Amino acid sequence: MTSKMSNKAIDDMQAMRILNEFALKHKVVLEQKGKVGFGRPCVGFTYGHNYIDYNPYKYVNHEPVDISEVYSDLFHELAPANAYHKHTCLCVLVEDGKYKDALAELAKWVTDLEKHNVCIVDFSTGATGMQAEISRKFGKTLKLN
């Protein structure tokens, strides 16, 4: 079940206040004009050049990791329609150059997440060798408190 919302529900100033407060609280960076995947425009939250995950994947070419402590079906339920779909990360794709709409969608998402008292924690990615150099051995992910 994907969260549906009107981007007009949150005005531009309110969206920026919500997003900046989330970034400060969780010590992450708000990317207002980011790129994800193969250069797709997006808005989202990063830490050390990587987007914050939710329900991180268990990659078959990585060492096995236990994500049970950070996994929650709720994160999938709250993800908006334009959440990046090839990687479960806290970013929203920008459609037709409409960054303000994407920022409003992201603000609604983090508002919904904050109602569930989320925090951001380190997790082991299981990456080894060259992959660990690219994506790091540890990442940041959402977790329910």
N, C-alpha and C. Protein backbone atom coordinates (compact mmCIF):
# COMPACT_ATOMS: atom_id res chain seq x y z
N MET A 1 0.85 -1.18 0.00
CA MET A 1 0.00 0.00 0.00
C MET A 1 0.89 1.24 0.00
N THR A 2 0.83 2.04 -1.03
CA THR A 2 1.66 3.22 -1.15
C THR A 2 0.91 4.43 -0.62
N SER A 3 1.63 5.29 0.08
CA SER A 3 1.05 6.51 0.60
C SER A 3 0.71 7.45 -0.55
N LYS A 4 -0.52 7.86 -0.64
CA LYS A 4 -0.95 8.80 -1.67
C LYS A 4 -1.18 10.15 -1.00
N MET A 5 -0.74 11.21 -1.67
CA MET A 5 -0.92 12.53 -1.09
C MET A 5 -0.95 13.57 -2.18
N SER A 6 -1.52 14.69 -1.87
CA SER A 6 -1.47 15.83 -2.76
C SER A 6 -0.23 16.64 -2.42
N ASN A 7 0.60 16.93 -3.42
CA ASN A 7 1.80 17.73 -3.16
C ASN A 7 1.45 19.13 -2.69
N LYS A 8 0.23 19.57 -2.93
CA LYS A 8 -0.19 20.91 -2.51
C LYS A 8 -0.56 20.93 -1.03
N ALA A 9 -0.58 19.78 -0.36
CA ALA A 9 -0.94 19.71 1.05
C ALA A 9 0.09 20.43 1.91
N ILE A 10 1.31 20.56 1.43
CA ILE A 10 2.38 21.21 2.17
C ILE A 10 2.95 22.31 1.27
N ASP A 11 2.95 23.56 1.76
CA ASP A 11 3.49 24.64 0.92
C ASP A 11 5.02 24.61 0.94
N ASP A 12 5.63 25.37 0.05
CA ASP A 12 7.09 25.33 -0.14
C ASP A 12 7.86 25.66 1.13
N MET A 13 7.46 26.70 1.83
CA MET A 13 8.18 27.11 3.05
C MET A 13 8.02 26.06 4.15
N GLN A 14 6.84 25.54 4.28
CA GLN A 14 6.58 24.51 5.29
C GLN A 14 7.39 23.25 4.96
N ALA A 15 7.44 22.88 3.69
CA ALA A 15 8.21 21.70 3.28
C ALA A 15 9.68 21.87 3.65
N MET A 16 10.25 23.03 3.35
CA MET A 16 11.67 23.26 3.64
C MET A 16 11.93 23.24 5.15
N ARG A 17 11.00 23.79 5.93
CA ARG A 17 11.16 23.76 7.38
C ARG A 17 11.17 22.32 7.88
N ILE A 18 10.22 21.52 7.43
CA ILE A 18 10.12 20.11 7.84
C ILE A 18 11.39 19.36 7.44
N LEU A 19 11.85 19.55 6.21
CA LEU A 19 13.02 18.82 5.71
C LEU A 19 14.29 19.24 6.43
N ASN A 20 14.46 20.54 6.66
CA ASN A 20 15.65 21.02 7.37
C ASN A 20 15.67 20.55 8.82
N GLU A 21 14.51 20.53 9.47
CA GLU A 21 14.44 20.03 10.85
C GLU A 21 14.79 18.55 10.91
N PHE A 22 14.29 17.77 9.95
CA PHE A 22 14.61 16.34 9.90
C PHE A 22 16.12 16.15 9.71
N ALA A 23 16.71 16.91 8.79
CA ALA A 23 18.15 16.80 8.53
C ALA A 23 18.96 17.14 9.78
N LEU A 24 18.61 18.21 10.46
CA LEU A 24 19.33 18.59 11.68
C LEU A 24 19.16 17.56 12.79
N LYS A 25 17.95 17.11 12.99
CA LYS A 25 17.67 16.14 14.05
C LYS A 25 18.46 14.85 13.85
N HIS A 26 18.54 14.39 12.60
CA HIS A 26 19.16 13.09 12.33
C HIS A 26 20.60 13.20 11.80
N LYS A 27 21.10 14.43 11.73
CA LYS A 27 22.49 14.68 11.30
C LYS A 27 22.77 14.10 9.91
N VAL A 28 21.87 14.40 8.98
CA VAL A 28 22.00 13.98 7.59
C VAL A 28 21.92 15.22 6.70
N VAL A 29 22.19 15.05 5.42
CA VAL A 29 22.20 16.16 4.48
C VAL A 29 20.97 16.07 3.58
N LEU A 30 20.27 17.19 3.44
CA LEU A 30 19.15 17.28 2.51
C LEU A 30 19.71 17.60 1.13
N GLU A 31 19.47 16.70 0.19
CA GLU A 31 19.89 16.92 -1.21
C GLU A 31 18.68 17.48 -1.95
N GLN A 32 18.72 18.78 -2.24
CA GLN A 32 17.59 19.42 -2.91
C GLN A 32 17.62 19.23 -4.43
N LYS A 33 18.78 18.91 -4.95
CA LYS A 33 18.90 18.64 -6.39
C LYS A 33 19.91 17.52 -6.57
N GLY A 34 19.54 16.34 -6.11
CA GLY A 34 20.42 15.20 -6.15
C GLY A 34 20.23 14.36 -7.40
N LYS A 35 21.02 13.30 -7.47
CA LYS A 35 20.94 12.31 -8.55
C LYS A 35 20.95 10.94 -7.89
N VAL A 36 20.23 10.01 -8.50
CA VAL A 36 20.17 8.65 -7.99
C VAL A 36 20.18 7.70 -9.18
N GLY A 37 20.67 6.49 -8.95
CA GLY A 37 20.74 5.52 -10.05
C GLY A 37 21.68 6.03 -11.12
N PHE A 38 21.23 6.00 -12.34
CA PHE A 38 22.05 6.47 -13.46
C PHE A 38 21.74 7.93 -13.78
N GLY A 39 21.85 8.79 -12.75
CA GLY A 39 21.70 10.22 -12.95
C GLY A 39 20.29 10.76 -12.94
N ARG A 40 19.35 10.00 -12.37
CA ARG A 40 17.97 10.49 -12.31
C ARG A 40 17.84 11.57 -11.25
N PRO A 41 17.19 12.70 -11.59
CA PRO A 41 17.04 13.78 -10.62
C PRO A 41 16.14 13.36 -9.46
N CYS A 42 16.55 13.76 -8.26
CA CYS A 42 15.78 13.40 -7.08
C CYS A 42 16.04 14.40 -5.96
N VAL A 43 15.27 14.28 -4.90
CA VAL A 43 15.51 14.98 -3.65
C VAL A 43 15.51 13.92 -2.56
N GLY A 44 16.36 14.09 -1.56
CA GLY A 44 16.42 13.07 -0.52
C GLY A 44 17.45 13.40 0.53
N PHE A 45 17.77 12.41 1.35
CA PHE A 45 18.70 12.59 2.45
C PHE A 45 19.91 11.67 2.29
N THR A 46 21.09 12.24 2.49
CA THR A 46 22.32 11.48 2.37
C THR A 46 23.16 11.61 3.64
N TYR A 47 24.11 10.70 3.73
CA TYR A 47 25.14 10.73 4.75
C TYR A 47 26.39 10.18 4.08
N GLY A 48 27.41 10.99 3.95
CA GLY A 48 28.64 10.53 3.31
C GLY A 48 28.45 10.13 1.86
N HIS A 49 27.68 10.85 1.10
CA HIS A 49 27.44 10.64 -0.34
C HIS A 49 26.54 9.45 -0.65
N ASN A 50 26.00 8.78 0.34
CA ASN A 50 25.06 7.68 0.11
C ASN A 50 23.70 8.07 0.67
N TYR A 51 22.65 7.70 -0.06
CA TYR A 51 21.30 7.97 0.44
C TYR A 51 20.99 7.08 1.64
N ILE A 52 20.18 7.61 2.55
CA ILE A 52 19.76 6.87 3.74
C ILE A 52 18.82 5.76 3.28
N ASP A 53 19.07 4.56 3.73
CA ASP A 53 18.25 3.41 3.36
C ASP A 53 17.04 3.27 4.29
N TYR A 54 16.10 2.49 3.83
CA TYR A 54 15.08 1.92 4.71
C TYR A 54 14.91 0.48 4.21
N ASN A 55 14.78 -0.45 5.13
CA ASN A 55 14.72 -1.87 4.77
C ASN A 55 15.83 -2.24 3.78
N PRO A 56 17.09 -2.12 4.22
CA PRO A 56 18.20 -2.39 3.29
C PRO A 56 18.15 -3.80 2.72
N TYR A 57 18.62 -3.89 1.49
CA TYR A 57 18.65 -5.17 0.79
C TYR A 57 19.73 -6.09 1.34
N LYS A 58 19.51 -7.39 1.17
CA LYS A 58 20.55 -8.40 1.39
C LYS A 58 21.04 -8.76 -0.01
N TYR A 59 22.16 -8.20 -0.40
CA TYR A 59 22.69 -8.45 -1.74
C TYR A 59 23.35 -9.82 -1.81
N VAL A 60 23.13 -10.55 -2.89
CA VAL A 60 23.65 -11.91 -3.01
C VAL A 60 25.17 -11.91 -3.15
N ASN A 61 25.77 -10.86 -3.66
CA ASN A 61 27.23 -10.83 -3.83
C ASN A 61 27.94 -10.15 -2.66
N HIS A 62 27.23 -9.95 -1.54
CA HIS A 62 27.80 -9.40 -0.31
C HIS A 62 27.80 -10.49 0.76
N GLU A 63 28.55 -10.25 1.80
CA GLU A 63 28.51 -11.14 2.96
C GLU A 63 27.09 -11.11 3.55
N PRO A 64 26.62 -12.22 4.13
CA PRO A 64 25.28 -12.22 4.72
C PRO A 64 25.19 -11.23 5.89
N VAL A 65 24.10 -10.51 5.97
CA VAL A 65 23.87 -9.58 7.07
C VAL A 65 22.46 -9.79 7.60
N ASP A 66 22.28 -9.48 8.88
CA ASP A 66 20.96 -9.59 9.52
C ASP A 66 20.33 -8.21 9.56
N ILE A 67 19.24 -8.02 8.80
CA ILE A 67 18.56 -6.72 8.78
C ILE A 67 17.28 -6.74 9.62
N SER A 68 17.05 -7.81 10.36
CA SER A 68 15.79 -7.96 11.09
C SER A 68 15.56 -6.84 12.10
N GLU A 69 16.63 -6.28 12.66
CA GLU A 69 16.48 -5.21 13.66
C GLU A 69 16.03 -3.90 13.05
N VAL A 70 16.24 -3.72 11.75
CA VAL A 70 15.90 -2.45 11.12
C VAL A 70 14.76 -2.56 10.11
N TYR A 71 14.33 -3.77 9.79
CA TYR A 71 13.29 -3.98 8.79
C TYR A 71 11.91 -3.72 9.39
N SER A 72 11.05 -3.04 8.62
CA SER A 72 9.66 -2.86 9.01
C SER A 72 8.81 -2.70 7.75
N ASP A 73 7.73 -3.46 7.67
CA ASP A 73 6.78 -3.32 6.55
C ASP A 73 6.21 -1.91 6.49
N LEU A 74 6.15 -1.25 7.64
CA LEU A 74 5.62 0.11 7.70
C LEU A 74 6.37 1.05 6.75
N PHE A 75 7.68 0.87 6.62
CA PHE A 75 8.45 1.75 5.74
C PHE A 75 7.97 1.65 4.29
N HIS A 76 7.64 0.45 3.84
CA HIS A 76 7.12 0.28 2.48
C HIS A 76 5.72 0.90 2.36
N GLU A 77 4.93 0.76 3.40
CA GLU A 77 3.57 1.31 3.38
C GLU A 77 3.58 2.83 3.30
N LEU A 78 4.55 3.46 3.96
CA LEU A 78 4.60 4.93 4.00
C LEU A 78 5.31 5.53 2.78
N ALA A 79 6.06 4.74 2.06
CA ALA A 79 6.80 5.27 0.91
C ALA A 79 5.85 5.88 -0.11
N PRO A 80 6.14 7.09 -0.58
CA PRO A 80 5.25 7.75 -1.53
C PRO A 80 5.36 7.17 -2.94
N ALA A 81 4.46 7.58 -3.79
CA ALA A 81 4.39 7.06 -5.16
C ALA A 81 5.69 7.29 -5.93
N ASN A 82 6.37 8.39 -5.70
CA ASN A 82 7.59 8.70 -6.45
C ASN A 82 8.88 8.36 -5.71
N ALA A 83 8.79 7.55 -4.66
CA ALA A 83 10.01 7.09 -3.99
C ALA A 83 10.85 6.31 -4.99
N TYR A 84 12.17 6.46 -4.92
CA TYR A 84 13.03 5.71 -5.83
C TYR A 84 12.77 4.22 -5.64
N HIS A 85 12.59 3.49 -6.71
CA HIS A 85 12.08 2.12 -6.66
C HIS A 85 13.13 1.03 -6.86
N LYS A 86 14.34 1.38 -7.26
CA LYS A 86 15.35 0.33 -7.48
C LYS A 86 16.26 0.14 -6.28
N HIS A 87 16.06 0.95 -5.28
CA HIS A 87 16.86 0.88 -4.06
C HIS A 87 16.00 1.53 -2.98
N THR A 88 15.81 0.87 -1.87
CA THR A 88 14.95 1.41 -0.82
C THR A 88 15.71 2.48 -0.05
N CYS A 89 15.68 3.69 -0.58
CA CYS A 89 16.37 4.80 0.07
C CYS A 89 15.43 5.98 0.21
N LEU A 90 15.80 6.87 1.10
CA LEU A 90 14.97 8.01 1.45
C LEU A 90 15.14 9.13 0.43
N CYS A 91 14.64 8.87 -0.78
CA CYS A 91 14.67 9.90 -1.81
C CYS A 91 13.45 9.76 -2.72
N VAL A 92 13.08 10.88 -3.31
CA VAL A 92 11.91 10.98 -4.17
C VAL A 92 12.37 11.45 -5.55
N LEU A 93 11.92 10.75 -6.57
CA LEU A 93 12.27 11.14 -7.93
C LEU A 93 11.56 12.43 -8.32
N VAL A 94 12.25 13.25 -9.12
CA VAL A 94 11.70 14.51 -9.62
C VAL A 94 11.13 14.26 -11.01
N GLU A 95 9.87 14.60 -11.19
CA GLU A 95 9.24 14.42 -12.50
C GLU A 95 9.12 15.77 -13.20
N ASP A 96 9.54 15.81 -14.46
CA ASP A 96 9.41 17.00 -15.30
C ASP A 96 10.02 18.25 -14.67
N GLY A 97 11.12 18.09 -13.94
CA GLY A 97 11.81 19.23 -13.35
C GLY A 97 11.09 19.89 -12.19
N LYS A 98 10.07 19.24 -11.65
CA LYS A 98 9.26 19.83 -10.57
C LYS A 98 9.86 19.49 -9.21
N TYR A 99 10.97 20.16 -8.88
CA TYR A 99 11.67 19.91 -7.62
C TYR A 99 10.80 20.28 -6.41
N LYS A 100 10.04 21.35 -6.51
CA LYS A 100 9.20 21.76 -5.38
C LYS A 100 8.16 20.70 -5.05
N ASP A 101 7.58 20.07 -6.07
CA ASP A 101 6.62 19.00 -5.83
C ASP A 101 7.30 17.81 -5.15
N ALA A 102 8.50 17.47 -5.61
CA ALA A 102 9.25 16.35 -5.01
C ALA A 102 9.61 16.67 -3.56
N LEU A 103 10.01 17.91 -3.28
CA LEU A 103 10.33 18.31 -1.91
C LEU A 103 9.09 18.22 -1.02
N ALA A 104 7.93 18.61 -1.54
CA ALA A 104 6.69 18.51 -0.77
C ALA A 104 6.35 17.04 -0.49
N GLU A 105 6.57 16.18 -1.48
CA GLU A 105 6.31 14.75 -1.30
C GLU A 105 7.26 14.16 -0.26
N LEU A 106 8.52 14.56 -0.31
CA LEU A 106 9.50 14.09 0.68
C LEU A 106 9.14 14.61 2.08
N ALA A 107 8.70 15.86 2.17
CA ALA A 107 8.31 16.43 3.47
C ALA A 107 7.13 15.67 4.06
N LYS A 108 6.16 15.32 3.23
CA LYS A 108 5.01 14.53 3.71
C LYS A 108 5.49 13.17 4.20
N TRP A 109 6.43 12.57 3.46
CA TRP A 109 6.96 11.26 3.84
C TRP A 109 7.65 11.32 5.19
N VAL A 110 8.55 12.28 5.38
CA VAL A 110 9.27 12.33 6.66
C VAL A 110 8.33 12.72 7.80
N THR A 111 7.30 13.50 7.51
CA THR A 111 6.30 13.82 8.54
C THR A 111 5.62 12.53 8.99
N ASP A 112 5.23 11.70 8.04
CA ASP A 112 4.62 10.41 8.38
C ASP A 112 5.59 9.51 9.15
N LEU A 113 6.86 9.50 8.74
CA LEU A 113 7.87 8.69 9.43
C LEU A 113 8.07 9.16 10.87
N GLU A 114 8.13 10.48 11.06
CA GLU A 114 8.37 11.02 12.40
C GLU A 114 7.22 10.69 13.35
N LYS A 115 6.02 10.50 12.84
CA LYS A 115 4.89 10.10 13.68
C LYS A 115 5.14 8.73 14.31
N HIS A 116 6.05 7.95 13.70
CA HIS A 116 6.37 6.62 14.20
C HIS A 116 7.71 6.58 14.92
N ASN A 117 8.23 7.76 15.26
CA ASN A 117 9.43 7.88 16.08
C ASN A 117 10.63 7.15 15.46
N VAL A 118 10.94 7.45 14.21
CA VAL A 118 12.08 6.80 13.56
C VAL A 118 13.39 7.39 14.02
N CYS A 119 14.43 6.61 13.88
CA CYS A 119 15.78 7.10 14.08
C CYS A 119 16.61 6.58 12.91
N ILE A 120 17.83 7.07 12.79
CA ILE A 120 18.74 6.62 11.74
C ILE A 120 19.93 5.98 12.41
N VAL A 121 20.23 4.74 12.02
CA VAL A 121 21.29 3.97 12.66
C VAL A 121 22.25 3.42 11.61
N ASP A 122 23.43 3.02 12.07
CA ASP A 122 24.40 2.34 11.20
C ASP A 122 23.96 0.90 10.99
N PHE A 123 24.27 0.35 9.82
CA PHE A 123 24.06 -1.07 9.57
C PHE A 123 25.20 -1.58 8.70
N SER A 124 25.51 -2.86 8.84
CA SER A 124 26.53 -3.49 8.01
C SER A 124 25.93 -3.81 6.66
N THR A 125 26.58 -3.34 5.59
CA THR A 125 26.08 -3.61 4.24
C THR A 125 26.47 -5.00 3.75
N GLY A 126 27.52 -5.56 4.35
CA GLY A 126 28.02 -6.84 3.88
C GLY A 126 28.97 -6.71 2.69
N ALA A 127 29.20 -5.47 2.25
CA ALA A 127 30.08 -5.25 1.10
C ALA A 127 31.52 -5.61 1.44
N THR A 128 32.21 -6.21 0.47
CA THR A 128 33.62 -6.56 0.64
C THR A 128 34.39 -6.11 -0.60
N GLY A 129 35.71 -6.12 -0.47
CA GLY A 129 36.57 -5.81 -1.62
C GLY A 129 36.27 -4.46 -2.24
N MET A 130 36.28 -4.42 -3.58
CA MET A 130 36.06 -3.18 -4.30
C MET A 130 34.68 -2.60 -4.01
N GLN A 131 33.67 -3.46 -3.84
CA GLN A 131 32.32 -2.95 -3.54
C GLN A 131 32.30 -2.17 -2.24
N ALA A 132 33.09 -2.61 -1.26
CA ALA A 132 33.17 -1.89 0.01
C ALA A 132 33.80 -0.51 -0.18
N GLU A 133 34.71 -0.39 -1.15
CA GLU A 133 35.31 0.91 -1.45
C GLU A 133 34.29 1.85 -2.10
N ILE A 134 33.41 1.29 -2.89
CA ILE A 134 32.41 2.10 -3.60
C ILE A 134 31.24 2.46 -2.68
N SER A 135 30.64 1.46 -2.06
CA SER A 135 29.42 1.71 -1.29
C SER A 135 29.60 1.63 0.22
N ARG A 136 30.80 1.34 0.67
CA ARG A 136 31.16 1.27 2.08
C ARG A 136 30.67 0.01 2.77
N LYS A 137 31.36 -0.35 3.85
CA LYS A 137 31.00 -1.53 4.63
C LYS A 137 29.81 -1.26 5.54
N PHE A 138 29.62 0.02 5.87
CA PHE A 138 28.50 0.39 6.74
C PHE A 138 27.71 1.50 6.07
N GLY A 139 26.41 1.46 6.26
CA GLY A 139 25.52 2.50 5.74
C GLY A 139 24.64 3.01 6.86
N LYS A 140 23.74 3.90 6.50
CA LYS A 140 22.75 4.44 7.46
C LYS A 140 21.38 4.01 6.98
N THR A 141 20.53 3.64 7.93
CA THR A 141 19.18 3.21 7.60
C THR A 141 18.18 3.69 8.64
N LEU A 142 16.94 3.80 8.23
CA LEU A 142 15.87 4.12 9.17
C LEU A 142 15.60 2.91 10.07
N LYS A 143 15.16 3.22 11.28
CA LYS A 143 14.77 2.18 12.22
C LYS A 143 13.65 2.76 13.09
N LEU A 144 12.69 1.91 13.44
CA LEU A 144 11.65 2.33 14.37
C LEU A 144 12.23 2.30 15.77
N ASN A 145 12.00 3.34 16.54
CA ASN A 145 12.46 3.38 17.93
C ASN A 145 11.52 2.62 18.83
